[in-house]
N, C-alpha and C. Protein backbone atom coordinates (compact mmCIF):
# COMPACT_ATOMS: atom_id res chain seq x y z
N UNK A 1 -21.01 -31.22 -13.28
CA UNK A 1 -21.45 -32.78 -12.41
C UNK A 1 -19.89 -33.10 -12.57
N UNK A 2 -19.32 -32.91 -11.20
CA UNK A 2 -18.66 -33.35 -10.68
C UNK A 2 -18.11 -34.33 -9.77
N UNK A 3 -17.83 -35.76 -10.73
CA UNK A 3 -17.78 -37.06 -10.37
C UNK A 3 -18.80 -37.58 -9.76
N UNK A 4 -18.87 -38.17 -8.80
CA UNK A 4 -19.54 -39.18 -7.77
C UNK A 4 -20.45 -38.18 -7.06
N UNK A 5 -19.17 -37.53 -6.39
CA UNK A 5 -19.16 -37.27 -4.97
C UNK A 5 -21.11 -35.83 -4.59
N UNK A 6 -21.85 -37.11 -4.43
CA UNK A 6 -22.82 -35.55 -3.85
C UNK A 6 -22.94 -35.18 -2.92
N UNK A 7 -22.24 -34.31 -2.52
CA UNK A 7 -21.49 -33.64 -1.46
C UNK A 7 -20.96 -32.42 -0.87
N UNK A 8 -19.36 -32.48 -2.64
CA UNK A 8 -19.50 -31.95 -3.08
C UNK A 8 -19.72 -31.10 -3.86
N UNK A 9 -20.51 -32.14 -5.42
CA UNK A 9 -21.89 -31.28 -6.04
C UNK A 9 -22.67 -30.53 -5.30
N UNK A 10 -22.96 -30.69 -4.18
CA UNK A 10 -24.00 -29.29 -3.42
C UNK A 10 -23.26 -28.64 -2.96
N UNK A 11 -22.59 -28.47 -2.59
CA UNK A 11 -21.37 -27.92 -2.24
C UNK A 11 -20.75 -26.67 -3.88
N UNK A 12 -21.01 -27.06 -4.41
CA UNK A 12 -20.42 -26.45 -6.06
C UNK A 12 -21.77 -25.66 -6.10
N UNK A 13 -22.89 -26.72 -5.80
CA UNK A 13 -23.87 -25.23 -6.20
C UNK A 13 -24.88 -25.27 -4.81
N UNK A 14 -24.35 -24.78 -4.21
CA UNK A 14 -24.47 -23.83 -3.12
C UNK A 14 -23.73 -22.92 -3.18
N UNK A 15 -22.79 -22.91 -3.60
CA UNK A 15 -21.74 -21.57 -3.82
C UNK A 15 -22.32 -20.74 -5.11
N UNK A 16 -22.39 -21.34 -6.01
CA UNK A 16 -23.02 -20.92 -8.02
C UNK A 16 -23.69 -20.26 -6.73
N UNK A 17 -25.27 -20.88 -6.38
CA UNK A 17 -26.99 -20.11 -6.26
C UNK A 17 -26.13 -18.79 -5.20
N UNK A 18 -25.42 -19.05 -4.20
CA UNK A 18 -24.92 -17.76 -2.69
C UNK A 18 -23.92 -16.13 -4.68
N UNK A 19 -23.76 -17.39 -5.04
CA UNK A 19 -22.97 -16.01 -5.85
C UNK A 19 -23.67 -15.36 -6.86
N UNK A 20 -24.95 -15.98 -7.64
CA UNK A 20 -25.39 -15.69 -8.24
C UNK A 20 -26.54 -14.62 -7.61
N UNK A 21 -27.24 -15.45 -6.70
CA UNK A 21 -27.82 -14.14 -5.44
C UNK A 21 -27.49 -12.83 -5.49
N UNK A 22 -25.88 -13.22 -5.04
CA UNK A 22 -25.33 -11.55 -4.25
C UNK A 22 -25.18 -10.82 -5.39
N UNK A 23 -24.52 -11.61 -7.17
CA UNK A 23 -24.54 -10.77 -7.73
C UNK A 23 -24.96 -10.66 -9.08
N UNK A 24 -26.01 -10.36 -10.14
CA UNK A 24 -26.08 -10.28 -11.86
C UNK A 24 -25.84 -10.13 -12.27
N UNK A 25 -24.63 -9.70 -12.47
CA UNK A 25 -23.62 -9.04 -13.28
C UNK A 25 -24.19 -8.10 -14.33
N UNK A 26 -25.74 -7.14 -13.95
CA UNK A 26 -26.20 -6.14 -14.87
C UNK A 26 -25.36 -5.07 -15.05
N UNK A 27 -25.01 -4.98 -12.96
CA UNK A 27 -25.02 -2.87 -11.93
C UNK A 27 -23.05 -2.69 -12.06
N UNK A 28 -22.50 -2.20 -12.52
CA UNK A 28 -21.11 -1.79 -12.19
C UNK A 28 -20.97 -0.58 -11.39
N UNK A 29 -21.83 -0.98 -10.94
CA UNK A 29 -22.16 0.34 -9.96
C UNK A 29 -22.10 -0.48 -8.22
N UNK A 30 -21.80 -1.73 -8.66
CA UNK A 30 -23.01 -2.98 -7.71
C UNK A 30 -20.98 -3.87 -7.42
N UNK A 31 -21.09 -3.87 -6.57
CA UNK A 31 -19.48 -5.06 -6.16
C UNK A 31 -20.27 -6.50 -5.52
N UNK A 32 -19.37 -7.01 -4.89
CA UNK A 32 -19.97 -8.91 -5.09
C UNK A 32 -18.55 -8.91 -3.74
N UNK A 33 -19.25 -9.48 -2.61
CA UNK A 33 -19.27 -9.80 -1.64
C UNK A 33 -18.43 -11.57 -1.98
N UNK A 34 -17.69 -12.17 -1.64
CA UNK A 34 -17.09 -13.43 -1.45
C UNK A 34 -18.01 -14.04 -0.03
N UNK A 35 -18.68 -13.81 0.51
CA UNK A 35 -19.13 -13.73 1.21
C UNK A 35 -20.93 -14.18 1.53
N UNK A 36 -21.09 -13.91 0.10
CA UNK A 36 -22.78 -13.39 -0.39
C UNK A 36 -23.20 -11.90 1.07
N UNK A 37 -24.38 -11.77 0.63
CA UNK A 37 -24.99 -10.97 0.74
C UNK A 37 -25.31 -10.43 2.49
N UNK A 38 -25.29 -11.42 3.48
CA UNK A 38 -25.05 -11.17 4.82
C UNK A 38 -23.78 -13.09 5.25
N UNK A 39 -22.98 -12.22 4.76
CA UNK A 39 -21.77 -13.19 5.16
C UNK A 39 -21.79 -13.03 6.31
N UNK A 40 -20.84 -14.28 7.04
CA UNK A 40 -20.73 -13.56 8.47
C UNK A 40 -19.32 -13.54 9.08
N UNK A 41 -18.34 -12.84 7.95
CA UNK A 41 -17.81 -11.92 8.09
C UNK A 41 -17.24 -10.55 7.78
N UNK A 42 -18.28 -10.61 6.25
CA UNK A 42 -17.39 -9.55 5.76
C UNK A 42 -19.26 -8.53 5.21
N UNK A 43 -20.47 -9.22 5.92
CA UNK A 43 -20.95 -8.64 6.11
C UNK A 43 -21.91 -7.98 4.14
N UNK A 44 -21.91 -8.11 3.42
CA UNK A 44 -22.14 -8.19 1.84
C UNK A 44 -21.15 -6.91 1.38
N UNK A 45 -19.64 -6.84 2.17
CA UNK A 45 -18.44 -5.72 1.76
C UNK A 45 -18.01 -6.72 0.50
N UNK A 46 -17.37 -5.90 0.01
CA UNK A 46 -15.82 -6.50 -1.31
C UNK A 46 -15.66 -6.18 -0.74
N UNK A 47 -14.38 -7.36 -1.13
CA UNK A 47 -13.63 -8.10 -0.41
C UNK A 47 -12.52 -8.03 -1.38
N UNK A 48 -10.38 -7.88 -0.95
CA UNK A 48 -10.13 -8.20 -2.25
C UNK A 48 -10.49 -9.46 -2.46
N UNK A 49 -10.37 -10.83 -1.79
CA UNK A 49 -10.97 -12.07 -2.72
C UNK A 49 -12.24 -12.33 -3.48
N UNK A 50 -13.04 -11.45 -3.38
CA UNK A 50 -13.76 -10.92 -4.88
C UNK A 50 -12.51 -10.96 -5.88
N UNK A 51 -11.92 -10.19 -6.50
CA UNK A 51 -11.49 -10.76 -7.66
C UNK A 51 -10.22 -12.42 -7.88
N UNK A 52 -10.54 -12.83 -6.69
CA UNK A 52 -9.66 -14.50 -6.81
C UNK A 52 -10.30 -15.16 -7.49
N UNK A 53 -11.65 -14.61 -6.95
CA UNK A 53 -12.21 -16.32 -6.26
C UNK A 53 -13.42 -16.29 -7.05
N UNK A 54 -14.32 -14.78 -7.37
CA UNK A 54 -15.22 -14.61 -7.44
C UNK A 54 -15.06 -14.52 -8.56
N UNK A 55 -14.31 -13.52 -10.08
CA UNK A 55 -14.27 -13.12 -11.17
C UNK A 55 -14.34 -14.61 -12.00
N UNK A 56 -13.42 -15.20 -11.57
CA UNK A 56 -13.29 -16.37 -12.79
C UNK A 56 -14.55 -16.88 -12.23
N UNK A 57 -15.23 -17.54 -11.65
CA UNK A 57 -16.21 -18.19 -12.03
C UNK A 57 -17.33 -17.19 -12.76
N UNK A 58 -17.62 -15.94 -12.64
CA UNK A 58 -18.31 -14.62 -13.35
C UNK A 58 -18.22 -14.82 -14.64
N UNK A 59 -16.84 -14.72 -14.75
CA UNK A 59 -15.55 -14.40 -16.15
C UNK A 59 -15.91 -15.84 -16.62
N UNK A 60 -16.51 -17.29 -16.09
CA UNK A 60 -17.08 -17.97 -16.74
C UNK A 60 -18.30 -18.04 -16.59
N UNK A 61 -19.08 -17.79 -16.20
CA UNK A 61 -20.42 -18.32 -16.05
C UNK A 61 -21.24 -17.23 -16.46
N UNK A 62 -21.19 -16.73 -16.03
CA UNK A 62 -22.05 -15.27 -16.93
C UNK A 62 -21.52 -14.37 -17.63
N UNK A 63 -19.96 -14.85 -18.15
CA UNK A 63 -19.96 -13.96 -19.59
C UNK A 63 -18.61 -12.62 -19.23
N UNK A 64 -18.09 -12.38 -20.40
CA UNK A 64 -16.83 -11.26 -20.44
C UNK A 64 -17.43 -9.93 -19.39
N UNK A 65 -19.30 -8.97 -20.63
CA UNK A 65 -19.62 -8.28 -19.90
C UNK A 65 -20.03 -8.39 -18.25
N UNK A 66 -19.57 -9.06 -17.83
CA UNK A 66 -20.48 -9.22 -16.32
C UNK A 66 -19.28 -8.81 -15.22
N UNK A 67 -17.93 -9.47 -16.58
CA UNK A 67 -16.47 -9.56 -14.82
C UNK A 67 -16.29 -7.81 -15.57
N UNK A 68 -16.45 -7.90 -16.58
CA UNK A 68 -15.73 -6.43 -16.90
C UNK A 68 -17.34 -5.06 -15.35
N UNK A 69 -18.37 -5.62 -16.08
CA UNK A 69 -18.99 -4.64 -15.18
C UNK A 69 -18.70 -4.71 -13.55
N UNK A 70 -17.64 -6.14 -13.04
CA UNK A 70 -17.15 -5.89 -11.85
C UNK A 70 -16.57 -5.42 -11.93
N UNK A 71 -15.22 -5.23 -12.63
CA UNK A 71 -14.25 -4.31 -12.90
C UNK A 71 -14.36 -3.20 -12.84
N UNK A 72 -15.05 -2.33 -13.00
CA UNK A 72 -16.09 -0.94 -13.53
C UNK A 72 -16.55 -0.57 -11.44
N UNK A 73 -17.05 -1.90 -11.31
CA UNK A 73 -16.80 -1.30 -9.53
C UNK A 73 -15.90 -0.85 -8.96
N UNK A 74 -14.85 -1.16 -8.81
CA UNK A 74 -13.61 -0.80 -8.32
C UNK A 74 -12.67 0.42 -9.15
N UNK A 75 -12.99 0.45 -10.70
CA UNK A 75 -12.44 1.40 -11.31
C UNK A 75 -13.59 2.69 -10.86
N UNK A 76 -14.61 2.50 -10.74
CA UNK A 76 -15.08 3.53 -10.42
C UNK A 76 -13.99 4.03 -8.56
N UNK A 77 -14.04 2.96 -8.35
CA UNK A 77 -13.45 3.44 -6.75
C UNK A 77 -12.51 4.39 -7.32
N UNK A 78 -11.71 4.01 -7.73
CA UNK A 78 -9.86 4.70 -7.95
C UNK A 78 -9.44 5.97 -7.40
N UNK A 79 -10.92 7.05 -7.27
CA UNK A 79 -10.13 8.40 -6.44
C UNK A 79 -10.07 7.94 -4.96
N UNK A 80 -11.34 7.17 -4.74
CA UNK A 80 -10.89 6.98 -3.33
C UNK A 80 -9.76 6.39 -2.65
N UNK A 81 -9.50 5.59 -3.87
CA UNK A 81 -8.11 4.23 -3.32
C UNK A 81 -6.92 5.72 -3.63
N UNK A 82 -7.21 6.20 -3.84
CA UNK A 82 -6.07 7.41 -4.30
C UNK A 82 -6.01 8.38 -3.14
N UNK A 83 -6.81 8.58 -2.36
CA UNK A 83 -7.32 9.31 -1.44
C UNK A 83 -6.80 8.86 -0.66
N UNK A 84 -6.48 7.39 -0.15
CA UNK A 84 -6.58 6.36 1.06
C UNK A 84 -5.12 5.70 0.57
N UNK A 85 -4.27 6.33 -0.67
CA UNK A 85 -3.03 6.08 -0.39
C UNK A 85 -1.74 7.14 0.31
N UNK A 86 -2.89 8.14 -0.40
CA UNK A 86 -2.51 9.83 0.26
C UNK A 86 -1.96 10.11 1.55
N UNK A 87 -3.59 9.06 2.28
CA UNK A 87 -3.15 9.53 3.81
C UNK A 87 -2.34 8.72 4.29
N UNK A 88 -1.83 7.62 3.36
CA UNK A 88 -0.65 7.19 4.04
C UNK A 88 0.74 7.71 3.32
N UNK A 89 0.99 8.79 3.13
CA UNK A 89 2.16 9.40 2.30
C UNK A 89 2.55 8.77 0.83
N UNK A 90 1.47 7.78 0.54
CA UNK A 90 1.41 7.28 -0.88
C UNK A 90 1.37 7.66 -1.88
N UNK A 91 1.79 7.47 -3.26
CA UNK A 91 1.45 7.87 -4.70
C UNK A 91 -0.01 6.48 -5.01
N UNK A 92 0.10 6.92 -6.15
CA UNK A 92 -0.85 5.97 -6.70
C UNK A 92 -2.53 5.83 -5.48
N UNK A 93 -3.22 4.12 -5.46
CA UNK A 93 -3.85 3.62 -5.79
C UNK A 93 -3.65 2.90 -4.33
N UNK A 94 -4.56 2.93 -3.30
CA UNK A 94 -4.47 1.52 -1.79
C UNK A 94 -6.03 1.40 -2.08
N UNK A 95 -6.38 -0.45 -2.33
CA UNK A 95 -8.09 -0.12 -2.68
C UNK A 95 -7.85 -0.92 -0.81
N UNK A 96 -9.02 -0.30 -0.61
CA UNK A 96 -10.13 -0.74 1.11
C UNK A 96 -9.59 -2.49 0.50
N UNK A 97 -9.70 -2.72 2.04
CA UNK A 97 -9.75 -4.46 2.37
C UNK A 97 -11.16 -5.23 1.86
N UNK A 98 -11.40 -4.19 2.98
CA UNK A 98 -12.92 -4.36 1.78
C UNK A 98 -14.44 -3.20 2.34
N UNK A 99 -14.38 -3.16 1.87
CA UNK A 99 -15.66 -1.75 1.75
C UNK A 99 -17.02 -2.11 0.66
N UNK A 100 -18.75 -1.11 0.59
CA UNK A 100 -19.46 -1.43 0.27
C UNK A 100 -19.26 -0.04 -0.91
N UNK A 101 -18.58 1.59 -0.43
CA UNK A 101 -18.50 2.04 -0.99
C UNK A 101 -17.37 2.58 -1.83
N UNK A 102 -16.40 2.00 -1.47
CA UNK A 102 -14.52 3.01 -1.58
C UNK A 102 -14.24 2.95 -0.47
N UNK A 103 -14.73 3.39 0.59
CA UNK A 103 -14.29 3.79 1.58
C UNK A 103 -14.04 2.28 2.14
N UNK A 104 -13.41 2.13 3.56
CA UNK A 104 -12.65 1.40 3.85
C UNK A 104 -13.60 0.61 4.82
N UNK A 105 -14.09 -0.29 5.42
CA UNK A 105 -15.08 -0.64 6.36
C UNK A 105 -14.74 -2.22 7.03
N UNK A 106 -13.52 -2.59 7.04
CA UNK A 106 -13.31 -3.33 7.70
C UNK A 106 -12.80 -3.26 9.21
N UNK A 107 -13.47 -4.08 9.32
CA UNK A 107 -12.77 -3.67 11.12
C UNK A 107 -11.72 -3.56 12.28
N UNK A 108 -10.84 -4.55 11.49
CA UNK A 108 -9.48 -4.65 11.93
C UNK A 108 -8.45 -3.84 11.60
N UNK A 109 -8.39 -2.63 11.86
CA UNK A 109 -7.65 -1.15 11.78
C UNK A 109 -6.12 -1.96 10.89
N UNK A 110 -5.61 -2.38 11.92
CA UNK A 110 -3.99 -2.73 11.15
C UNK A 110 -4.21 -4.30 10.01
N UNK A 111 -5.18 -4.14 10.68
CA UNK A 111 -4.77 -5.80 9.23
C UNK A 111 -4.96 -5.10 8.00
N UNK A 112 -6.25 -3.71 7.83
CA UNK A 112 -6.51 -3.35 7.27
C UNK A 112 -5.33 -2.34 6.47
N UNK A 113 -4.25 -2.10 7.10
CA UNK A 113 -3.65 -1.45 6.20
C UNK A 113 -2.51 -2.43 6.54
N UNK A 114 -1.40 -3.28 7.22
CA UNK A 114 -1.00 -3.79 6.14
C UNK A 114 -1.18 -5.61 5.10
N UNK A 115 -2.21 -5.00 5.41
CA UNK A 115 -2.82 -6.39 4.43
C UNK A 115 -2.64 -6.04 3.27
N UNK A 116 -1.93 -5.89 2.40
CA UNK A 116 -1.83 -4.88 1.01
C UNK A 116 -1.66 -5.32 -0.35
N UNK A 117 -1.98 -6.76 -0.67
CA UNK A 117 -1.74 -8.14 -1.06
C UNK A 117 -2.92 -7.63 -1.82
N UNK A 118 -4.05 -7.31 -1.54
CA UNK A 118 -5.66 -6.85 -2.42
C UNK A 118 -5.27 -5.70 -3.82
N UNK A 119 -4.23 -4.74 -4.02
CA UNK A 119 -3.42 -4.39 -5.10
C UNK A 119 -4.07 -5.44 -5.82
N UNK A 120 -2.58 -6.16 -5.68
CA UNK A 120 -1.75 -7.13 -6.72
C UNK A 120 -3.28 -8.41 -7.32
N UNK A 121 -4.10 -8.29 -6.55
CA UNK A 121 -5.44 -9.10 -6.33
C UNK A 121 -6.34 -8.21 -7.17
N UNK A 122 -6.91 -7.03 -7.60
CA UNK A 122 -7.13 -7.18 -8.59
C UNK A 122 -6.66 -6.58 -10.19
N UNK A 123 -5.28 -5.36 -9.21
CA UNK A 123 -4.53 -5.54 -11.20
C UNK A 123 -4.39 -7.20 -11.52
N UNK A 124 -4.91 -7.95 -11.34
CA UNK A 124 -4.13 -9.23 -11.92
C UNK A 124 -5.63 -9.50 -12.42
N UNK A 125 -6.54 -8.79 -11.57
CA UNK A 125 -8.14 -9.55 -12.19
C UNK A 125 -8.17 -8.23 -13.48
N UNK A 126 -8.31 -7.88 -13.21
CA UNK A 126 -7.39 -6.94 -14.77
C UNK A 126 -7.24 -7.11 -15.99
N UNK A 127 -6.05 -8.06 -15.48
CA UNK A 127 -5.13 -8.12 -16.31
C UNK A 127 -5.52 -9.86 -17.23
N UNK A 128 -5.72 -11.06 -16.11
CA UNK A 128 -6.78 -12.02 -16.25
C UNK A 128 -7.95 -11.66 -17.42
N UNK A 129 -8.95 -10.69 -17.30
CA UNK A 129 -10.04 -10.68 -17.66
C UNK A 129 -9.56 -10.27 -19.66
N UNK A 130 -8.66 -9.37 -19.64
CA UNK A 130 -7.69 -8.79 -20.91
C UNK A 130 -7.63 -10.40 -21.48
N UNK A 131 -6.59 -10.50 -20.83
CA UNK A 131 -6.55 -11.89 -21.82
C UNK A 131 -7.56 -12.95 -21.83
N UNK A 132 -8.63 -12.96 -21.75
CA UNK A 132 -9.95 -13.52 -21.61
C UNK A 132 -10.35 -12.65 -22.65
N UNK A 133 -10.91 -12.12 -22.88
CA UNK A 133 -11.68 -11.35 -23.21
C UNK A 133 -11.39 -10.52 -25.09
N UNK A 134 -9.78 -10.16 -24.12
CA UNK A 134 -8.33 -8.81 -25.15
C UNK A 134 -9.22 -8.04 -25.86
N UNK A 135 -10.43 -7.68 -25.18
CA UNK A 135 -11.46 -6.22 -24.78
C UNK A 135 -9.38 -4.94 -24.85
N UNK A 136 -9.39 -3.97 -25.87
CA UNK A 136 -8.51 -3.42 -25.47
C UNK A 136 -8.76 -2.22 -25.44
N UNK A 137 -9.49 -2.16 -25.69
CA UNK A 137 -10.39 -0.61 -25.47
C UNK A 137 -11.12 -0.81 -24.17
N UNK A 138 -11.36 -1.98 -23.45
CA UNK A 138 -11.63 -1.85 -22.03
C UNK A 138 -9.99 -1.84 -20.93
N UNK A 139 -8.94 -2.52 -21.75
CA UNK A 139 -7.62 -2.00 -21.14
C UNK A 139 -7.60 -1.08 -20.85
N UNK A 140 -7.92 -0.50 -22.46
CA UNK A 140 -7.12 0.94 -22.18
C UNK A 140 -7.83 2.21 -21.47
N UNK A 141 -9.02 2.12 -21.61
CA UNK A 141 -10.17 3.22 -20.57
C UNK A 141 -9.85 3.03 -19.46
N UNK A 142 -10.10 1.45 -19.56
CA UNK A 142 -10.46 0.94 -17.53
C UNK A 142 -9.55 1.29 -16.63
N UNK A 143 -9.40 -0.63 -16.94
CA UNK A 143 -7.83 -0.91 -16.49
C UNK A 143 -6.37 -0.39 -16.63
N UNK A 144 -5.99 0.83 -17.81
CA UNK A 144 -5.01 0.78 -16.69
C UNK A 144 -4.50 2.20 -16.25
N UNK A 145 -5.56 2.67 -16.06
CA UNK A 145 -6.06 4.00 -15.09
C UNK A 145 -5.38 3.05 -13.85
N UNK A 146 -6.10 2.22 -13.31
CA UNK A 146 -6.24 1.22 -12.42
C UNK A 146 -4.88 0.74 -11.70
N UNK A 147 -4.52 0.00 -12.47
CA UNK A 147 -3.32 -0.79 -12.63
C UNK A 147 -1.94 0.02 -12.88
N UNK A 148 -2.36 1.07 -13.69
CA UNK A 148 -0.44 1.73 -13.45
C UNK A 148 -0.96 2.85 -11.81
N UNK A 149 -1.65 2.82 -11.58
CA UNK A 149 -2.22 3.27 -10.11
C UNK A 149 -1.45 2.69 -8.57
N UNK A 150 -1.98 1.12 -9.49
CA UNK A 150 -1.23 -0.03 -8.56
C UNK A 150 0.14 0.26 -7.84
N UNK A 151 0.18 0.15 -9.67
CA UNK A 151 1.92 0.50 -9.59
C UNK A 151 3.04 2.12 -9.22
N UNK A 152 1.91 2.14 -9.26
CA UNK A 152 2.79 3.59 -8.77
C UNK A 152 2.76 3.47 -6.65
N UNK A 153 1.65 3.10 -6.64
CA UNK A 153 1.73 2.99 -5.12
C UNK A 153 2.94 2.29 -4.49
N UNK A 154 2.92 1.17 -5.52
CA UNK A 154 3.74 0.10 -5.14
C UNK A 154 5.53 0.83 -5.02
N UNK A 155 5.01 1.00 -6.06
CA UNK A 155 7.12 2.04 -6.45
C UNK A 155 6.69 2.61 -5.36
N UNK A 156 6.14 3.41 -4.61
CA UNK A 156 6.04 4.68 -3.54
C UNK A 156 6.58 4.05 -2.39
N UNK A 157 5.97 2.66 -1.88
CA UNK A 157 5.94 1.76 -0.80
C UNK A 157 7.47 1.33 -0.94
N UNK A 158 8.60 1.44 -1.40
CA UNK A 158 9.75 1.16 -1.43
C UNK A 158 10.80 2.37 -1.29
N UNK A 159 12.42 1.70 -0.24
CA UNK A 159 12.90 2.58 -0.71
C UNK A 159 14.19 1.91 -0.56
N UNK A 160 15.18 2.59 -1.29
CA UNK A 160 16.48 2.08 -1.16
C UNK A 160 17.46 1.93 0.09
N UNK A 161 17.99 0.80 0.10
CA UNK A 161 18.72 0.17 1.92
C UNK A 161 20.37 0.22 1.88
N UNK A 162 20.74 1.08 1.51
CA UNK A 162 22.30 1.14 0.51
C UNK A 162 22.42 -0.13 1.45
N UNK A 163 22.92 -0.05 2.50
CA UNK A 163 23.53 -1.95 3.31
C UNK A 163 23.50 -2.73 2.51
N UNK A 164 21.79 -3.11 2.25
CA UNK A 164 21.93 -4.08 1.52
C UNK A 164 21.95 -4.76 -0.22
N UNK A 165 22.23 -3.45 0.08
CA UNK A 165 21.99 -2.69 -1.67
C UNK A 165 20.46 -3.48 -2.82
N UNK A 166 19.61 -2.98 -2.39
CA UNK A 166 17.89 -3.20 -2.64
C UNK A 166 17.16 -2.22 -2.58
N UNK A 167 16.11 -2.47 -3.06
CA UNK A 167 15.40 -1.52 -2.37
C UNK A 167 13.99 -2.27 -1.30
N UNK A 168 13.99 -1.49 -0.60
CA UNK A 168 12.69 -3.19 0.77
C UNK A 168 11.73 -2.21 0.77
N UNK A 169 10.88 -2.85 1.15
CA UNK A 169 9.38 -2.12 1.58
C UNK A 169 9.67 -1.76 2.52
N UNK A 170 8.86 -0.87 2.52
CA UNK A 170 8.45 0.43 3.40
C UNK A 170 7.42 0.27 4.33
N UNK A 171 7.73 -0.07 5.65
CA UNK A 171 6.46 -0.60 6.75
C UNK A 171 6.10 0.46 7.55
N UNK A 172 4.58 0.79 7.49
CA UNK A 172 3.87 1.95 7.99
C UNK A 172 3.74 0.94 9.23
N UNK A 173 3.83 0.65 9.74
CA UNK A 173 3.34 0.09 11.49
C UNK A 173 4.52 -1.11 11.27
N UNK A 174 4.67 -1.85 12.80
CA UNK A 174 5.66 -2.58 13.37
C UNK A 174 5.32 -3.83 13.20
N UNK A 175 4.04 -3.39 12.29
CA UNK A 175 2.65 -5.20 12.83
C UNK A 175 2.81 -5.39 11.01
N UNK A 176 2.84 -6.68 11.66
CA UNK A 176 2.82 -7.06 9.95
C UNK A 176 2.75 -8.88 9.82
N UNK A 177 1.70 -8.67 8.96
CA UNK A 177 0.11 -10.30 8.49
C UNK A 177 1.15 -11.24 7.54
N UNK A 178 1.74 -12.60 8.23
CA UNK A 178 1.48 -13.43 6.97
C UNK A 178 0.66 -13.15 6.13
N UNK A 179 1.16 -13.92 4.73
CA UNK A 179 0.12 -14.06 3.72
C UNK A 179 -1.50 -14.73 4.60
N UNK A 180 -1.06 -15.74 5.01
CA UNK A 180 -1.92 -16.94 6.06
C UNK A 180 -2.96 -16.04 7.11
N UNK A 181 -2.52 -14.49 7.54
CA UNK A 181 -3.34 -13.54 8.36
C UNK A 181 -3.67 -13.74 9.83
N UNK A 182 -3.09 -15.08 9.49
CA UNK A 182 -2.67 -15.86 11.47
C UNK A 182 -1.27 -15.14 12.22
N UNK A 183 -1.80 -14.11 12.98
CA UNK A 183 -0.73 -13.34 13.96
C UNK A 183 -0.66 -12.59 13.55
N UNK A 184 -0.05 -11.85 14.62
CA UNK A 184 1.14 -10.61 14.18
C UNK A 184 1.83 -10.87 14.18
N UNK A 185 3.45 -10.13 13.68
CA UNK A 185 4.81 -10.29 13.35
C UNK A 185 5.54 -9.09 13.53
N UNK A 186 6.16 -8.93 14.74
CA UNK A 186 6.71 -7.35 15.29
C UNK A 186 8.48 -7.27 14.14
N UNK A 187 8.34 -6.68 12.71
CA UNK A 187 8.77 -6.54 12.04
C UNK A 187 8.61 -5.10 11.57
N UNK A 188 9.72 -4.97 11.18
CA UNK A 188 9.37 -3.44 9.91
C UNK A 188 9.24 -4.10 8.80
N UNK A 189 10.82 -4.56 8.20
CA UNK A 189 9.88 -4.72 6.41
C UNK A 189 10.89 -5.24 6.34
N UNK A 190 9.58 -6.63 6.37
CA UNK A 190 9.22 -7.98 6.36
C UNK A 190 8.83 -8.18 5.15
N UNK A 191 9.22 -9.42 4.51
CA UNK A 191 8.50 -9.63 2.73
C UNK A 191 6.79 -9.59 2.87
N UNK A 192 6.28 -9.63 3.84
CA UNK A 192 5.09 -8.72 4.02
C UNK A 192 4.78 -7.93 4.04
N UNK A 193 5.37 -6.91 3.60
CA UNK A 193 4.46 -5.55 4.46
C UNK A 193 2.94 -4.50 4.12
């Protein structure tokens, strides 16, 4: 119970109800859409916010096995994520912004290309699940292949800038979004590549 605010409690219960309707934690081939099965914007697709906002709830309400199955969904998409990175001339793996099956299905191509923070969220989800479970076998067999592929991607996204004497992110388009995803900025290699 969340204090005495009934509307807050109702909102939390609605969110949990929607999550439990969309994901029961039993199938490693099933992802979870933060917008639910028929959300207004995601249309049932898995999205990077699955790992940020939904996985902690799955972990705390459904348990470690359900959370691990949700991460296995991403593990099974590693080959397609590797292909996504290769199409950009990168190494490692670039997971889609929105997907049903590992293929990018986000309607905004520029956004899907520039909002690459989803890789960090997927990496972080594997790390947090390990921290919670201490399951070294799951980490070694499932987490590390994904985490290392994500690291390889990030390393291939930087280049040495001799003038500034540091590594700088390589941008694949002049359109770069800030993390809040409002509007485009015409910059080459901003801190939000």
